[in-house]
């Protein structure tokens, strides 16, 4: 774990060996910790990039879930939908603010 100061309090942020294998239920709670971490890190630093990349990898299942609404389309189209969803996920992570008091999944999925 790594300790991060956020809003005057220390937050332990776990090191995650394979973020893409985090269960969606766990990803919700861990995402809050990583968004706390992003809030106190300087953009462009290796630590910021690591936290951001971890958030992206942890929430890839959210993209696959949302893309599942379009499963009646062919496999080629599904790949395109997932790619567009990944871009949307990255934009949602970059724009999300914990101060809005809304779950990230609600913010990210229209």
C-alpha atoms as a PDB file:
ATOM      1  CA  UNK A   1       0.000   0.000   0.000  1.00  0.00           C
ATOM      2  CA  UNK A   2       0.937   3.617  -0.520  1.00  0.00           C
ATOM      3  CA  UNK A   3      -0.156   6.354   1.883  1.00  0.00           C
ATOM      4  CA  UNK A   4      -1.492   9.519   0.266  1.00  0.00           C
ATOM      5  CA  UNK A   5      -2.522  12.742   2.016  1.00  0.00           C
ATOM      6  CA  UNK A   6      -5.940  13.884   0.840  1.00  0.00           C
ATOM      7  CA  UNK A   7      -8.150  16.594   2.318  1.00  0.00           C
ATOM      8  CA  UNK A   8      -5.998  16.648   5.429  1.00  0.00           C
ATOM      9  CA  UNK A   9      -6.180  12.899   6.014  1.00  0.00           C
ATOM     10  CA  UNK A  10      -3.941   9.990   5.105  1.00  0.00           C
ATOM     11  CA  UNK A  11      -5.384   7.436   2.699  1.00  0.00           C
ATOM     12  CA  UNK A  12      -3.848   4.028   2.091  1.00  0.00           C
ATOM     13  CA  UNK A  13      -3.996   3.151  -1.592  1.00  0.00           C
ATOM     14  CA  UNK A  14      -3.278  -0.493  -2.360  1.00  0.00           C
ATOM     15  CA  UNK A  15      -0.869  -1.577  -5.051  1.00  0.00           C
ATOM     16  CA  UNK A  16      -2.859  -3.660  -7.533  1.00  0.00           C
ATOM     17  CA  UNK A  17      -0.903  -6.274  -9.480  1.00  0.00           C
ATOM     18  CA  UNK A  18      -3.503  -6.731 -12.256  1.00  0.00           C
ATOM     19  CA  UNK A  19      -6.154  -3.976 -12.198  1.00  0.00           C
ATOM     20  CA  UNK A  20      -8.057  -5.523 -15.117  1.00  0.00           C
ATOM     21  CA  UNK A  21      -8.904  -8.524 -12.891  1.00  0.00           C
ATOM     22  CA  UNK A  22     -10.510  -6.491 -10.097  1.00  0.00           C
ATOM     23  CA  UNK A  23     -14.151  -7.479  -9.576  1.00  0.00           C
ATOM     24  CA  UNK A  24     -16.629  -4.702 -10.491  1.00  0.00           C
ATOM     25  CA  UNK A  25     -17.880  -4.528  -6.879  1.00  0.00           C
ATOM     26  CA  UNK A  26     -14.330  -4.013  -5.621  1.00  0.00           C
ATOM     27  CA  UNK A  27     -13.551  -1.582  -8.447  1.00  0.00           C
ATOM     28  CA  UNK A  28     -16.225   0.805  -7.143  1.00  0.00           C
ATOM     29  CA  UNK A  29     -14.596   1.103  -3.722  1.00  0.00           C
ATOM     30  CA  UNK A  30     -11.037   1.102  -5.031  1.00  0.00           C
ATOM     31  CA  UNK A  31     -11.907   3.757  -7.620  1.00  0.00           C
ATOM     32  CA  UNK A  32     -12.831   6.157  -4.817  1.00  0.00           C
ATOM     33  CA  UNK A  33      -9.377   5.681  -3.286  1.00  0.00           C
ATOM     34  CA  UNK A  34      -7.649   6.211  -6.607  1.00  0.00           C
ATOM     35  CA  UNK A  35      -9.706   9.339  -7.376  1.00  0.00           C
ATOM     36  CA  UNK A  36      -8.657  10.650  -3.944  1.00  0.00           C
ATOM     37  CA  UNK A  37      -5.086   9.918  -4.961  1.00  0.00           C
ATOM     38  CA  UNK A  38      -5.438  11.715  -8.314  1.00  0.00           C
ATOM     39  CA  UNK A  39      -6.809  14.786  -6.547  1.00  0.00           C
ATOM     40  CA  UNK A  40      -3.572  15.305  -4.615  1.00  0.00           C
ATOM     41  CA  UNK A  41      -1.053  14.292  -7.265  1.00  0.00           C
ATOM     42  CA  UNK A  42       0.369  16.667  -9.834  1.00  0.00           C
ATOM     43  CA  UNK A  43      -0.811  15.898 -13.355  1.00  0.00           C
ATOM     44  CA  UNK A  44       1.959  14.575 -15.557  1.00  0.00           C
ATOM     45  CA  UNK A  45       3.936  12.912 -12.778  1.00  0.00           C
ATOM     46  CA  UNK A  46       4.621   9.168 -12.944  1.00  0.00           C
ATOM     47  CA  UNK A  47       2.489   8.665  -9.815  1.00  0.00           C
ATOM     48  CA  UNK A  48      -0.455  10.487 -11.423  1.00  0.00           C
ATOM     49  CA  UNK A  49      -0.119   8.435 -14.621  1.00  0.00           C
ATOM     50  CA  UNK A  50       0.061   5.211 -12.621  1.00  0.00           C
ATOM     51  CA  UNK A  51      -3.092   6.040 -10.633  1.00  0.00           C
ATOM     52  CA  UNK A  52      -4.933   7.118 -13.802  1.00  0.00           C
ATOM     53  CA  UNK A  53      -3.889   3.985 -15.692  1.00  0.00           C
ATOM     54  CA  UNK A  54      -4.974   1.816 -12.767  1.00  0.00           C
ATOM     55  CA  UNK A  55      -8.401   3.484 -12.824  1.00  0.00           C
ATOM     56  CA  UNK A  56      -8.694   2.853 -16.561  1.00  0.00           C
ATOM     57  CA  UNK A  57      -7.751  -0.813 -16.243  1.00  0.00           C
ATOM     58  CA  UNK A  58      -9.987  -1.376 -13.199  1.00  0.00           C
ATOM     59  CA  UNK A  59     -13.016   0.037 -14.997  1.00  0.00           C
ATOM     60  CA  UNK A  60     -12.620  -1.710 -18.360  1.00  0.00           C
ATOM     61  CA  UNK A  61     -15.348  -4.156 -17.310  1.00  0.00           C
ATOM     62  CA  UNK A  62     -17.719  -1.176 -17.140  1.00  0.00           C
ATOM     63  CA  UNK A  63     -17.052  -0.512 -20.834  1.00  0.00           C
ATOM     64  CA  UNK A  64     -17.654  -4.160 -21.721  1.00  0.00           C
ATOM     65  CA  UNK A  65     -20.889  -4.119 -19.711  1.00  0.00           C
ATOM     66  CA  UNK A  66     -22.165  -0.960 -21.420  1.00  0.00           C
ATOM     67  CA  UNK A  67     -21.127  -2.290 -24.842  1.00  0.00           C
ATOM     68  CA  UNK A  68     -23.162  -5.428 -24.130  1.00  0.00           C
ATOM     69  CA  UNK A  69     -26.299  -3.430 -24.883  1.00  0.00           C
ATOM     70  CA  UNK A  70     -25.236  -3.598 -28.515  1.00  0.00           C
ATOM     71  CA  UNK A  71     -24.409  -7.318 -28.659  1.00  0.00           C
ATOM     72  CA  UNK A  72     -26.896  -7.880 -31.500  1.00  0.00           C
ATOM     73  CA  UNK A  73     -24.405  -6.143 -33.782  1.00  0.00           C
ATOM     74  CA  UNK A  74     -21.628  -8.067 -35.489  1.00  0.00           C
ATOM     75  CA  UNK A  75     -18.256  -8.795 -33.850  1.00  0.00           C
ATOM     76  CA  UNK A  76     -16.507  -6.122 -35.932  1.00  0.00           C
ATOM     77  CA  UNK A  77     -18.974  -3.475 -34.817  1.00  0.00           C
ATOM     78  CA  UNK A  78     -18.703  -4.661 -31.220  1.00  0.00           C
ATOM     79  CA  UNK A  79     -14.940  -4.094 -31.298  1.00  0.00           C
ATOM     80  CA  UNK A  80     -15.539  -0.537 -32.536  1.00  0.00           C
ATOM     81  CA  UNK A  81     -18.120   0.042 -29.794  1.00  0.00           C
ATOM     82  CA  UNK A  82     -15.664  -1.129 -27.126  1.00  0.00           C
ATOM     83  CA  UNK A  83     -12.949   1.157 -28.543  1.00  0.00           C
ATOM     84  CA  UNK A  84     -15.274   4.160 -28.447  1.00  0.00           C
ATOM     85  CA  UNK A  85     -16.314   3.133 -24.934  1.00  0.00           C
ATOM     86  CA  UNK A  86     -12.679   3.087 -23.815  1.00  0.00           C
ATOM     87  CA  UNK A  87     -12.220   6.640 -25.084  1.00  0.00           C
ATOM     88  CA  UNK A  88     -15.357   7.616 -23.165  1.00  0.00           C
ATOM     89  CA  UNK A  89     -14.019   5.909 -20.032  1.00  0.00           C
ATOM     90  CA  UNK A  90     -10.760   7.844 -20.237  1.00  0.00           C
ATOM     91  CA  UNK A  91     -12.624  11.136 -20.688  1.00  0.00           C
ATOM     92  CA  UNK A  92     -14.923  10.292 -17.761  1.00  0.00           C
ATOM     93  CA  UNK A  93     -11.931   9.547 -15.518  1.00  0.00           C
ATOM     94  CA  UNK A  94     -10.294  12.836 -16.510  1.00  0.00           C
ATOM     95  CA  UNK A  95     -13.479  14.838 -15.798  1.00  0.00           C
ATOM     96  CA  UNK A  96     -14.792  13.064 -12.700  1.00  0.00           C
ATOM     97  CA  UNK A  97     -14.783  14.894  -9.366  1.00  0.00           C
ATOM     98  CA  UNK A  98     -15.479  13.156  -6.059  1.00  0.00           C
ATOM     99  CA  UNK A  99     -16.959  16.396  -4.731  1.00  0.00           C
ATOM    100  CA  UNK A 100     -20.021  15.809  -6.927  1.00  0.00           C
ATOM    101  CA  UNK A 101     -20.998  13.003  -4.543  1.00  0.00           C
ATOM    102  CA  UNK A 102     -22.102  10.678  -7.330  1.00  0.00           C
ATOM    103  CA  UNK A 103     -20.837   7.169  -8.052  1.00  0.00           C
ATOM    104  CA  UNK A 104     -18.268   7.054 -10.842  1.00  0.00           C
ATOM    105  CA  UNK A 105     -20.269   4.366 -12.648  1.00  0.00           C
ATOM    106  CA  UNK A 106     -23.329   6.648 -12.741  1.00  0.00           C
ATOM    107  CA  UNK A 107     -21.208   9.490 -14.073  1.00  0.00           C
ATOM    108  CA  UNK A 108     -19.414   7.388 -16.688  1.00  0.00           C
ATOM    109  CA  UNK A 109     -22.354   5.474 -18.193  1.00  0.00           C
ATOM    110  CA  UNK A 110     -24.984   7.615 -19.910  1.00  0.00           C
END
